[in-house]
């Protein structure tokens, strides 16, 4: 069975607010918008019943509304997924990443971060955000972490941003990212940054 879904998508603030009307042969289920103040357009999509069932199941597992889940999926697609093939990014299994980094010594890690990592990250962030300043890079970094399997938090207080990444990928992974991030903030963004690392965590603090 194909279900008809009417989706209202906000056109302001680069965010999505969604209404989904699920029409079956027996009844209609309405998923309300979270914010009626957003400007919206109404679009209708045909979605396979099996896909809808999986979305409902996933929303139950995450303990979020179907509206919130669909919003997250659409936002991730337009902010990240659509760019991945264009910038040459490929998914790599977590155990493989851990093994590759741990097989390298300190000098190799530093050389890779300085000669390759900094330039690659800069170019990807610039391509996705079309500019390279502090706010756009912090936004890109947050999107990057949310789109990975790394546990991530970001807090801001009076212009001071604190990013905490729990990766469990070993000290070399932390060292690699510490090195390239320090170079980006110091040399490109002209900002002082404090980065603390361990085998499992990376904490970054920067002032606006």
N, C-alpha and C. Protein backbone atom coordinates (compact mmCIF):
# COMPACT_ATOMS: atom_id res chain seq x y z
N UNK A 1 0.84 -1.19 0.00
CA UNK A 1 0.00 0.00 0.00
C UNK A 1 0.88 1.24 0.00
N UNK A 2 0.50 2.22 -0.81
CA UNK A 2 1.20 3.50 -0.82
C UNK A 2 0.40 4.50 0.00
N UNK A 3 1.03 5.16 0.94
CA UNK A 3 0.37 6.14 1.77
C UNK A 3 0.63 7.53 1.22
N UNK A 4 -0.40 8.38 1.29
CA UNK A 4 -0.25 9.77 0.89
C UNK A 4 0.17 10.58 2.10
N UNK A 5 1.22 11.33 1.94
CA UNK A 5 1.71 12.16 3.04
C UNK A 5 1.76 13.61 2.58
N UNK A 6 1.07 14.44 3.31
CA UNK A 6 1.12 15.87 3.02
C UNK A 6 2.12 16.49 3.98
N UNK A 7 3.16 17.09 3.44
CA UNK A 7 4.24 17.62 4.26
C UNK A 7 4.33 19.13 4.08
N UNK A 8 4.22 19.85 5.16
CA UNK A 8 4.36 21.30 5.12
C UNK A 8 5.76 21.64 5.59
N UNK A 9 6.54 22.31 4.76
CA UNK A 9 7.95 22.56 5.04
C UNK A 9 8.18 24.06 5.19
N UNK A 10 8.81 24.43 6.29
CA UNK A 10 9.08 25.85 6.53
C UNK A 10 10.11 26.36 5.56
N UNK A 11 9.92 27.56 5.06
CA UNK A 11 10.86 28.14 4.10
C UNK A 11 11.74 29.20 4.73
N UNK A 12 11.61 29.45 6.02
CA UNK A 12 12.40 30.49 6.69
C UNK A 12 13.43 29.88 7.60
N UNK A 13 14.52 30.65 7.84
CA UNK A 13 15.54 30.33 8.84
C UNK A 13 16.27 29.03 8.56
N UNK A 14 16.20 28.52 7.36
CA UNK A 14 16.90 27.30 6.99
C UNK A 14 16.54 26.14 7.92
N UNK A 15 15.31 26.13 8.39
CA UNK A 15 14.85 25.05 9.25
C UNK A 15 13.56 24.50 8.67
N UNK A 16 13.17 23.31 9.12
CA UNK A 16 11.97 22.68 8.63
C UNK A 16 10.98 22.48 9.77
N UNK A 17 9.73 22.84 9.56
CA UNK A 17 8.65 22.45 10.45
C UNK A 17 7.67 21.68 9.58
N UNK A 18 7.16 20.57 10.07
CA UNK A 18 6.49 19.63 9.19
C UNK A 18 5.13 19.22 9.73
N UNK A 19 4.15 19.13 8.85
CA UNK A 19 2.89 18.48 9.16
C UNK A 19 2.76 17.30 8.22
N UNK A 20 2.53 16.12 8.76
CA UNK A 20 2.35 14.93 7.94
C UNK A 20 0.93 14.42 8.16
N UNK A 21 0.15 14.32 7.11
CA UNK A 21 -1.18 13.74 7.20
C UNK A 21 -1.12 12.37 6.56
N UNK A 22 -1.20 11.34 7.37
CA UNK A 22 -1.09 9.97 6.89
C UNK A 22 -2.49 9.48 6.53
N UNK A 23 -2.75 9.28 5.27
CA UNK A 23 -4.07 8.87 4.81
C UNK A 23 -4.06 7.38 4.47
N UNK A 24 -4.85 6.62 5.18
CA UNK A 24 -5.03 5.21 4.88
C UNK A 24 -6.46 5.00 4.42
N UNK A 25 -6.84 3.78 4.14
CA UNK A 25 -8.19 3.50 3.69
C UNK A 25 -9.21 3.69 4.81
N UNK A 26 -8.74 3.60 6.06
CA UNK A 26 -9.66 3.66 7.19
C UNK A 26 -9.74 5.03 7.84
N UNK A 27 -8.60 5.69 7.98
CA UNK A 27 -8.61 6.96 8.69
C UNK A 27 -7.40 7.79 8.33
N UNK A 28 -7.31 8.95 8.95
CA UNK A 28 -6.17 9.83 8.78
C UNK A 28 -5.55 10.12 10.13
N UNK A 29 -4.22 10.14 10.18
CA UNK A 29 -3.51 10.47 11.40
C UNK A 29 -2.73 11.75 11.14
N UNK A 30 -2.93 12.75 11.96
CA UNK A 30 -2.28 14.04 11.75
C UNK A 30 -1.16 14.22 12.75
N UNK A 31 0.03 14.50 12.25
CA UNK A 31 1.18 14.82 13.09
C UNK A 31 1.33 16.34 13.07
N UNK A 32 1.09 17.04 14.18
CA UNK A 32 1.06 18.50 14.16
C UNK A 32 2.44 19.11 14.03
N UNK A 33 2.46 20.37 13.60
CA UNK A 33 3.70 21.14 13.55
C UNK A 33 4.13 21.51 14.95
N UNK A 34 5.43 21.70 15.13
CA UNK A 34 5.96 22.12 16.42
C UNK A 34 5.91 23.64 16.57
N UNK A 35 5.84 24.36 15.46
CA UNK A 35 5.87 25.82 15.52
C UNK A 35 5.06 26.39 14.37
N UNK A 36 3.86 26.88 14.69
CA UNK A 36 2.98 27.40 13.65
C UNK A 36 3.43 28.76 13.13
N UNK A 37 4.42 29.37 13.77
CA UNK A 37 4.86 30.70 13.36
C UNK A 37 5.75 30.66 12.13
N UNK A 38 6.23 29.50 11.75
CA UNK A 38 7.12 29.40 10.60
C UNK A 38 6.33 29.54 9.30
N UNK A 39 6.91 30.24 8.33
CA UNK A 39 6.32 30.29 7.00
C UNK A 39 6.45 28.91 6.38
N UNK A 40 5.39 28.44 5.74
CA UNK A 40 5.41 27.08 5.22
C UNK A 40 4.88 27.02 3.80
N UNK A 41 5.24 25.94 3.13
CA UNK A 41 4.62 25.56 1.87
C UNK A 41 4.11 24.15 2.05
N UNK A 42 3.08 23.79 1.32
CA UNK A 42 2.49 22.46 1.46
C UNK A 42 2.85 21.61 0.26
N UNK A 43 3.36 20.41 0.53
CA UNK A 43 3.75 19.47 -0.52
C UNK A 43 3.20 18.10 -0.17
N UNK A 44 2.91 17.31 -1.19
CA UNK A 44 2.38 15.97 -0.98
C UNK A 44 3.35 14.95 -1.55
N UNK A 45 3.66 13.93 -0.74
CA UNK A 45 4.57 12.87 -1.16
C UNK A 45 3.86 11.52 -1.04
N UNK A 46 4.23 10.60 -1.90
CA UNK A 46 3.79 9.21 -1.76
C UNK A 46 4.90 8.44 -1.07
N UNK A 47 4.59 7.84 0.05
CA UNK A 47 5.58 7.10 0.84
C UNK A 47 5.11 5.67 1.02
N UNK A 48 5.99 4.73 0.78
CA UNK A 48 5.62 3.33 0.94
C UNK A 48 5.24 3.02 2.38
N UNK A 49 4.26 2.16 2.54
CA UNK A 49 3.77 1.83 3.87
C UNK A 49 4.87 1.23 4.73
N UNK A 50 5.73 0.42 4.12
CA UNK A 50 6.83 -0.18 4.88
C UNK A 50 7.81 0.85 5.40
N UNK A 51 8.07 1.89 4.60
CA UNK A 51 8.95 2.97 5.03
C UNK A 51 8.32 3.71 6.20
N UNK A 52 7.02 3.98 6.10
CA UNK A 52 6.34 4.68 7.18
C UNK A 52 6.38 3.88 8.47
N UNK A 53 6.24 2.56 8.34
CA UNK A 53 6.31 1.71 9.52
C UNK A 53 7.66 1.78 10.20
N UNK A 54 8.72 1.81 9.40
CA UNK A 54 10.07 1.90 9.96
C UNK A 54 10.30 3.26 10.62
N UNK A 55 9.76 4.31 10.03
CA UNK A 55 9.88 5.64 10.64
C UNK A 55 9.18 5.68 12.00
N UNK A 56 8.00 5.10 12.06
CA UNK A 56 7.28 5.07 13.34
C UNK A 56 8.05 4.26 14.38
N UNK A 57 8.60 3.13 13.94
CA UNK A 57 9.36 2.29 14.86
C UNK A 57 10.59 3.02 15.38
N UNK A 58 11.28 3.74 14.50
CA UNK A 58 12.48 4.47 14.90
C UNK A 58 12.13 5.63 15.83
N UNK A 59 11.03 6.30 15.57
CA UNK A 59 10.63 7.40 16.45
C UNK A 59 10.29 6.88 17.84
N UNK A 60 9.71 5.69 17.92
CA UNK A 60 9.42 5.08 19.22
C UNK A 60 10.71 4.74 19.96
N UNK A 61 11.68 4.18 19.24
CA UNK A 61 12.96 3.81 19.87
C UNK A 61 13.68 5.03 20.41
N UNK A 62 13.64 6.12 19.68
CA UNK A 62 14.33 7.34 20.09
C UNK A 62 13.51 8.18 21.07
N UNK A 63 12.25 7.77 21.25
CA UNK A 63 11.33 8.49 22.14
C UNK A 63 11.16 9.94 21.70
N UNK A 64 10.99 10.12 20.39
CA UNK A 64 10.69 11.43 19.83
C UNK A 64 9.46 11.30 18.95
N UNK A 65 8.82 12.41 18.67
CA UNK A 65 7.64 12.37 17.80
C UNK A 65 8.05 12.07 16.36
N UNK A 66 7.10 11.58 15.59
CA UNK A 66 7.36 11.33 14.17
C UNK A 66 7.74 12.63 13.47
N UNK A 67 7.09 13.71 13.85
CA UNK A 67 7.41 15.02 13.27
C UNK A 67 8.87 15.40 13.51
N UNK A 68 9.34 15.20 14.75
CA UNK A 68 10.73 15.52 15.09
C UNK A 68 11.70 14.66 14.30
N UNK A 69 11.41 13.37 14.19
CA UNK A 69 12.29 12.46 13.47
C UNK A 69 12.40 12.85 12.00
N UNK A 70 11.27 13.10 11.35
CA UNK A 70 11.30 13.48 9.94
C UNK A 70 12.04 14.80 9.75
N UNK A 71 11.84 15.73 10.68
CA UNK A 71 12.57 16.99 10.64
C UNK A 71 14.07 16.77 10.70
N UNK A 72 14.51 15.88 11.60
CA UNK A 72 15.93 15.58 11.74
C UNK A 72 16.49 14.95 10.47
N UNK A 73 15.72 14.06 9.87
CA UNK A 73 16.17 13.38 8.65
C UNK A 73 16.34 14.39 7.50
N UNK A 74 15.35 15.24 7.32
CA UNK A 74 15.43 16.24 6.25
C UNK A 74 16.56 17.23 6.49
N UNK A 75 16.71 17.66 7.74
CA UNK A 75 17.76 18.62 8.05
C UNK A 75 19.14 18.02 7.81
N UNK A 76 19.33 16.78 8.24
CA UNK A 76 20.63 16.14 8.00
C UNK A 76 20.91 16.01 6.50
N UNK A 77 19.87 15.68 5.74
CA UNK A 77 20.08 15.52 4.30
C UNK A 77 20.53 16.82 3.65
N UNK A 78 19.84 17.93 3.93
CA UNK A 78 20.17 19.19 3.25
C UNK A 78 21.45 19.82 3.79
N UNK A 79 21.80 19.52 5.05
CA UNK A 79 22.99 20.14 5.63
C UNK A 79 24.24 19.29 5.49
N UNK A 80 24.06 17.96 5.29
CA UNK A 80 25.25 17.11 5.26
C UNK A 80 25.24 16.07 4.15
N UNK A 81 24.23 15.20 4.13
CA UNK A 81 24.26 14.05 3.23
C UNK A 81 24.40 14.44 1.76
N UNK A 82 23.74 15.52 1.36
CA UNK A 82 23.78 15.92 -0.04
C UNK A 82 25.19 16.32 -0.47
N UNK A 83 26.04 16.72 0.48
CA UNK A 83 27.39 17.17 0.15
C UNK A 83 28.43 16.04 0.17
N UNK A 84 28.17 14.97 0.89
CA UNK A 84 29.18 13.93 1.10
C UNK A 84 29.82 13.43 -0.20
N UNK A 85 29.04 13.01 -1.20
CA UNK A 85 29.69 12.54 -2.43
C UNK A 85 30.41 13.64 -3.19
N UNK A 86 29.96 14.88 -3.03
CA UNK A 86 30.57 15.99 -3.76
C UNK A 86 31.95 16.34 -3.24
N UNK A 87 32.19 16.10 -1.94
CA UNK A 87 33.49 16.44 -1.36
C UNK A 87 34.37 15.21 -1.17
N UNK A 88 33.91 14.06 -1.68
CA UNK A 88 34.73 12.86 -1.66
C UNK A 88 34.77 12.12 -0.33
N UNK A 89 33.76 12.30 0.52
CA UNK A 89 33.75 11.61 1.80
C UNK A 89 33.13 10.23 1.63
N UNK A 90 33.71 9.25 2.33
CA UNK A 90 33.19 7.89 2.30
C UNK A 90 33.07 7.37 3.72
N UNK A 91 32.07 6.53 4.00
CA UNK A 91 31.94 5.97 5.35
C UNK A 91 32.99 4.88 5.59
N UNK A 92 33.56 4.87 6.78
CA UNK A 92 34.55 3.85 7.16
C UNK A 92 34.12 3.25 8.49
N UNK A 93 34.18 1.94 8.59
CA UNK A 93 33.77 1.25 9.81
C UNK A 93 34.62 1.71 11.00
N UNK A 94 33.98 1.89 12.14
CA UNK A 94 34.64 2.38 13.33
C UNK A 94 35.87 1.56 13.73
N UNK A 95 35.81 0.23 13.76
CA UNK A 95 37.00 -0.55 14.13
C UNK A 95 38.18 -0.32 13.19
N UNK A 96 37.89 -0.09 11.92
CA UNK A 96 38.95 0.15 10.95
C UNK A 96 39.63 1.49 11.22
N UNK A 97 38.84 2.52 11.52
CA UNK A 97 39.41 3.84 11.85
C UNK A 97 40.32 3.73 13.06
N UNK A 98 39.86 3.04 14.09
CA UNK A 98 40.65 2.87 15.31
C UNK A 98 41.96 2.16 15.02
N UNK A 99 41.90 1.09 14.23
CA UNK A 99 43.10 0.31 13.91
C UNK A 99 44.09 1.13 13.08
N UNK A 100 43.59 1.87 12.10
CA UNK A 100 44.46 2.67 11.25
C UNK A 100 45.21 3.74 12.04
N UNK A 101 44.51 4.44 12.91
CA UNK A 101 45.15 5.49 13.69
C UNK A 101 46.14 4.92 14.70
N UNK A 102 45.79 3.81 15.31
CA UNK A 102 46.67 3.22 16.32
C UNK A 102 47.91 2.60 15.71
N UNK A 103 47.88 2.31 14.41
CA UNK A 103 49.05 1.72 13.75
C UNK A 103 50.11 2.77 13.40
N UNK A 104 49.78 4.05 13.58
CA UNK A 104 50.70 5.13 13.23
C UNK A 104 51.39 5.67 14.48
N UNK A 105 52.62 6.16 14.30
CA UNK A 105 53.31 6.77 15.44
C UNK A 105 53.00 8.26 15.50
N UNK A 106 53.50 8.92 16.54
CA UNK A 106 53.17 10.32 16.77
C UNK A 106 53.59 11.22 15.60
N UNK A 107 54.78 10.99 15.07
CA UNK A 107 55.28 11.82 13.98
C UNK A 107 54.40 11.68 12.74
N UNK A 108 53.95 10.48 12.46
CA UNK A 108 53.09 10.26 11.30
C UNK A 108 51.74 10.94 11.48
N UNK A 109 51.20 10.89 12.70
CA UNK A 109 49.93 11.54 12.99
C UNK A 109 50.04 13.05 12.78
N UNK A 110 51.10 13.64 13.34
CA UNK A 110 51.28 15.09 13.22
C UNK A 110 51.48 15.51 11.77
N UNK A 111 52.25 14.74 11.03
CA UNK A 111 52.50 15.07 9.63
C UNK A 111 51.20 14.99 8.81
N UNK A 112 50.40 13.96 9.05
CA UNK A 112 49.14 13.82 8.32
C UNK A 112 48.18 14.97 8.64
N UNK A 113 48.12 15.36 9.91
CA UNK A 113 47.24 16.45 10.31
C UNK A 113 47.68 17.78 9.70
N UNK A 114 48.98 18.02 9.70
CA UNK A 114 49.51 19.31 9.23
C UNK A 114 49.53 19.43 7.71
N UNK A 115 49.89 18.35 7.03
CA UNK A 115 50.06 18.42 5.58
C UNK A 115 48.80 18.08 4.79
N UNK A 116 47.92 17.29 5.40
CA UNK A 116 46.73 16.84 4.67
C UNK A 116 45.44 17.26 5.37
N UNK A 117 45.34 16.92 6.66
CA UNK A 117 44.09 17.11 7.39
C UNK A 117 43.58 18.53 7.40
N UNK A 118 44.46 19.49 7.70
CA UNK A 118 44.03 20.88 7.79
C UNK A 118 43.43 21.36 6.48
N UNK A 119 44.12 21.10 5.39
CA UNK A 119 43.64 21.55 4.09
C UNK A 119 42.35 20.89 3.67
N UNK A 120 42.23 19.61 3.94
CA UNK A 120 41.02 18.88 3.57
C UNK A 120 39.82 19.39 4.35
N UNK A 121 39.96 19.52 5.66
CA UNK A 121 38.86 20.01 6.49
C UNK A 121 38.47 21.43 6.10
N UNK A 122 39.46 22.29 5.87
CA UNK A 122 39.18 23.66 5.43
C UNK A 122 38.38 23.68 4.14
N UNK A 123 38.80 22.90 3.16
CA UNK A 123 38.14 22.91 1.86
C UNK A 123 36.71 22.37 1.95
N UNK A 124 36.52 21.32 2.74
CA UNK A 124 35.17 20.74 2.89
C UNK A 124 34.24 21.73 3.57
N UNK A 125 34.72 22.34 4.66
CA UNK A 125 33.89 23.31 5.39
C UNK A 125 33.56 24.50 4.51
N UNK A 126 34.52 24.98 3.75
CA UNK A 126 34.30 26.12 2.86
C UNK A 126 33.29 25.77 1.77
N UNK A 127 33.40 24.58 1.22
CA UNK A 127 32.47 24.15 0.16
C UNK A 127 31.04 24.08 0.69
N UNK A 128 30.88 23.52 1.89
CA UNK A 128 29.54 23.34 2.44
C UNK A 128 28.92 24.65 2.92
N UNK A 129 29.75 25.53 3.49
CA UNK A 129 29.22 26.77 4.08
C UNK A 129 29.41 27.99 3.19
N UNK A 130 30.21 27.86 2.14
CA UNK A 130 30.52 28.92 1.16
C UNK A 130 31.30 30.10 1.75
N UNK A 131 31.67 30.02 2.99
CA UNK A 131 32.54 31.03 3.61
C UNK A 131 33.29 30.38 4.75
N UNK A 132 34.35 31.04 5.20
CA UNK A 132 35.18 30.46 6.25
C UNK A 132 35.44 31.51 7.32
N UNK A 133 34.53 31.62 8.27
CA UNK A 133 34.74 32.45 9.44
C UNK A 133 34.38 31.63 10.67
N UNK A 134 34.49 32.23 11.85
CA UNK A 134 34.30 31.46 13.07
C UNK A 134 32.91 30.84 13.17
N UNK A 135 31.88 31.63 12.94
CA UNK A 135 30.52 31.12 13.10
C UNK A 135 30.20 30.01 12.11
N UNK A 136 30.63 30.17 10.86
CA UNK A 136 30.34 29.14 9.86
C UNK A 136 31.13 27.86 10.14
N UNK A 137 32.37 27.99 10.61
CA UNK A 137 33.15 26.79 10.90
C UNK A 137 32.60 26.06 12.12
N UNK A 138 32.20 26.79 13.16
CA UNK A 138 31.61 26.14 14.33
C UNK A 138 30.31 25.44 13.95
N UNK A 139 29.54 26.06 13.09
CA UNK A 139 28.31 25.43 12.61
C UNK A 139 28.62 24.16 11.84
N UNK A 140 29.63 24.22 10.96
CA UNK A 140 30.03 23.04 10.20
C UNK A 140 30.52 21.94 11.13
N UNK A 141 31.34 22.29 12.12
CA UNK A 141 31.89 21.30 13.04
C UNK A 141 30.78 20.60 13.81
N UNK A 142 29.79 21.36 14.25
CA UNK A 142 28.67 20.75 14.97
C UNK A 142 27.89 19.80 14.07
N UNK A 143 27.62 20.22 12.85
CA UNK A 143 26.92 19.35 11.91
C UNK A 143 27.72 18.09 11.62
N UNK A 144 29.03 18.24 11.47
CA UNK A 144 29.90 17.09 11.21
C UNK A 144 29.83 16.08 12.34
N UNK A 145 29.90 16.54 13.57
CA UNK A 145 29.87 15.63 14.70
C UNK A 145 28.50 14.96 14.85
N UNK A 146 27.44 15.71 14.62
CA UNK A 146 26.10 15.14 14.72
C UNK A 146 25.86 14.10 13.64
N UNK A 147 26.55 14.22 12.53
CA UNK A 147 26.37 13.29 11.42
C UNK A 147 27.26 12.06 11.52
N UNK A 148 28.06 11.99 12.56
CA UNK A 148 28.95 10.85 12.77
C UNK A 148 28.42 10.01 13.93
N UNK A 149 29.15 8.96 14.25
CA UNK A 149 28.76 8.09 15.36
C UNK A 149 29.38 8.55 16.67
N UNK A 150 29.93 9.75 16.69
CA UNK A 150 30.61 10.27 17.87
C UNK A 150 29.60 10.99 18.77
N UNK A 151 29.64 10.69 20.06
CA UNK A 151 28.79 11.40 21.01
C UNK A 151 29.33 12.82 21.15
N UNK A 152 28.42 13.78 21.13
CA UNK A 152 28.84 15.16 20.98
C UNK A 152 27.93 16.10 21.74
N UNK A 153 28.52 17.13 22.36
CA UNK A 153 27.72 18.18 22.99
C UNK A 153 28.37 19.53 22.73
N UNK A 154 27.54 20.56 22.67
CA UNK A 154 28.00 21.93 22.41
C UNK A 154 27.24 22.87 23.32
N UNK A 155 27.97 23.63 24.11
CA UNK A 155 27.34 24.63 24.97
C UNK A 155 27.96 25.99 24.69
N UNK A 156 27.19 27.04 24.93
CA UNK A 156 27.67 28.41 24.72
C UNK A 156 27.21 29.29 25.86
N UNK A 157 28.13 30.05 26.42
CA UNK A 157 27.80 30.94 27.52
C UNK A 157 28.60 32.23 27.38
N UNK A 158 27.89 33.33 27.16
CA UNK A 158 28.51 34.64 27.03
C UNK A 158 29.63 34.65 25.99
N UNK A 159 29.37 34.00 24.86
CA UNK A 159 30.32 34.01 23.76
C UNK A 159 31.41 32.96 23.82
N UNK A 160 31.41 32.15 24.87
CA UNK A 160 32.41 31.07 24.97
C UNK A 160 31.75 29.75 24.57
N UNK A 161 32.32 29.12 23.56
CA UNK A 161 31.79 27.85 23.06
C UNK A 161 32.64 26.70 23.59
N UNK A 162 31.96 25.66 24.05
CA UNK A 162 32.65 24.45 24.52
C UNK A 162 32.07 23.26 23.76
N UNK A 163 32.94 22.56 23.04
CA UNK A 163 32.56 21.36 22.31
C UNK A 163 33.20 20.16 23.01
N UNK A 164 32.42 19.14 23.28
CA UNK A 164 32.93 17.92 23.90
C UNK A 164 32.60 16.75 22.98
N UNK A 165 33.62 15.99 22.59
CA UNK A 165 33.45 14.84 21.71
C UNK A 165 33.92 13.58 22.43
N UNK A 166 33.05 12.61 22.53
CA UNK A 166 33.39 11.31 23.12
C UNK A 166 33.45 10.31 21.97
N UNK A 167 34.67 9.90 21.62
CA UNK A 167 34.84 9.11 20.40
C UNK A 167 35.29 7.68 20.63
N UNK A 168 36.02 7.40 21.69
CA UNK A 168 36.53 6.05 21.98
C UNK A 168 37.34 5.47 20.82
N UNK A 169 38.09 6.32 20.13
CA UNK A 169 38.88 5.87 18.99
C UNK A 169 40.39 5.94 19.25
N UNK A 170 40.76 6.18 20.48
CA UNK A 170 42.17 6.15 20.83
C UNK A 170 42.83 7.52 20.85
N UNK A 171 44.01 7.58 21.49
CA UNK A 171 44.70 8.85 21.65
C UNK A 171 45.14 9.45 20.31
N UNK A 172 45.55 8.61 19.36
CA UNK A 172 46.02 9.15 18.08
C UNK A 172 44.92 9.88 17.32
N UNK A 173 43.69 9.40 17.43
CA UNK A 173 42.57 10.09 16.80
C UNK A 173 42.41 11.48 17.43
N UNK A 174 42.50 11.53 18.75
CA UNK A 174 42.42 12.82 19.46
C UNK A 174 43.55 13.75 19.04
N UNK A 175 44.77 13.22 18.98
CA UNK A 175 45.94 14.02 18.62
C UNK A 175 45.81 14.57 17.20
N UNK A 176 45.35 13.74 16.29
CA UNK A 176 45.18 14.17 14.90
C UNK A 176 44.21 15.36 14.81
N UNK A 177 43.06 15.24 15.45
CA UNK A 177 42.07 16.30 15.38
C UNK A 177 42.49 17.53 16.18
N UNK A 178 43.18 17.32 17.29
CA UNK A 178 43.70 18.46 18.05
C UNK A 178 44.65 19.29 17.19
N UNK A 179 45.53 18.61 16.48
CA UNK A 179 46.54 19.29 15.66
C UNK A 179 45.92 20.07 14.52
N UNK A 180 45.02 19.43 13.76
CA UNK A 180 44.44 20.13 12.61
C UNK A 180 43.48 21.24 13.04
N UNK A 181 42.76 21.03 14.15
CA UNK A 181 41.85 22.07 14.63
C UNK A 181 42.62 23.28 15.15
N UNK A 182 43.73 23.03 15.85
CA UNK A 182 44.56 24.15 16.32
C UNK A 182 45.07 24.97 15.14
N UNK A 183 45.48 24.30 14.08
CA UNK A 183 45.98 25.03 12.92
C UNK A 183 44.88 25.84 12.24
N UNK A 184 43.70 25.28 12.14
CA UNK A 184 42.59 26.00 11.51
C UNK A 184 42.21 27.23 12.33
N UNK A 185 42.07 27.06 13.64
CA UNK A 185 41.69 28.19 14.48
C UNK A 185 42.80 29.24 14.54
N UNK A 186 44.03 28.81 14.70
CA UNK A 186 45.14 29.76 14.86
C UNK A 186 45.55 30.44 13.56
N UNK A 187 45.66 29.65 12.49
CA UNK A 187 46.22 30.17 11.25
C UNK A 187 45.18 30.72 10.27
N UNK A 188 43.99 30.14 10.28
CA UNK A 188 42.97 30.55 9.31
C UNK A 188 41.94 31.49 9.94
N UNK A 189 41.47 31.13 11.13
CA UNK A 189 40.44 31.93 11.79
C UNK A 189 41.01 32.98 12.73
N UNK A 190 42.32 32.90 12.98
CA UNK A 190 42.99 33.86 13.88
C UNK A 190 42.33 33.91 15.25
N UNK A 191 42.08 32.73 15.80
CA UNK A 191 41.45 32.62 17.11
C UNK A 191 42.27 31.70 18.00
N UNK A 192 42.36 32.08 19.26
CA UNK A 192 43.01 31.21 20.24
C UNK A 192 42.02 30.13 20.64
N UNK A 193 42.49 28.89 20.68
CA UNK A 193 41.63 27.78 21.03
C UNK A 193 42.34 26.90 22.05
N UNK A 194 41.59 26.39 23.01
CA UNK A 194 42.13 25.46 24.00
C UNK A 194 41.53 24.08 23.72
N UNK A 195 42.40 23.10 23.53
CA UNK A 195 41.94 21.75 23.23
C UNK A 195 42.60 20.77 24.19
N UNK A 196 41.79 20.00 24.89
CA UNK A 196 42.27 18.95 25.78
C UNK A 196 41.87 17.60 25.22
N UNK A 197 42.79 16.64 25.28
CA UNK A 197 42.52 15.33 24.68
C UNK A 197 42.87 14.20 25.62
N UNK A 198 42.26 13.05 25.35
CA UNK A 198 42.58 11.81 26.05
C UNK A 198 42.35 10.67 25.07
N UNK A 199 42.40 9.45 25.55
CA UNK A 199 42.17 8.30 24.68
C UNK A 199 40.74 8.25 24.15
N UNK A 200 39.81 8.85 24.86
CA UNK A 200 38.40 8.73 24.51
C UNK A 200 37.69 10.05 24.27
N UNK A 201 38.30 11.17 24.67
CA UNK A 201 37.60 12.45 24.65
C UNK A 201 38.44 13.55 23.99
N UNK A 202 37.73 14.52 23.43
CA UNK A 202 38.36 15.76 22.96
C UNK A 202 37.44 16.91 23.37
N UNK A 203 38.02 17.89 24.07
CA UNK A 203 37.25 19.06 24.50
C UNK A 203 37.87 20.31 23.91
N UNK A 204 37.05 21.09 23.22
CA UNK A 204 37.51 22.30 22.54
C UNK A 204 36.78 23.51 23.11
N UNK A 205 37.55 24.53 23.48
CA UNK A 205 36.97 25.77 24.01
C UNK A 205 37.49 26.95 23.20
N UNK A 206 36.56 27.80 22.73
CA UNK A 206 36.94 28.96 21.93
C UNK A 206 35.99 30.11 22.22
N UNK A 207 36.52 31.32 22.24
CA UNK A 207 35.72 32.52 22.46
C UNK A 207 35.40 33.19 21.14
N UNK A 208 34.22 33.77 21.05
CA UNK A 208 33.83 34.50 19.84
C UNK A 208 34.67 35.77 19.68
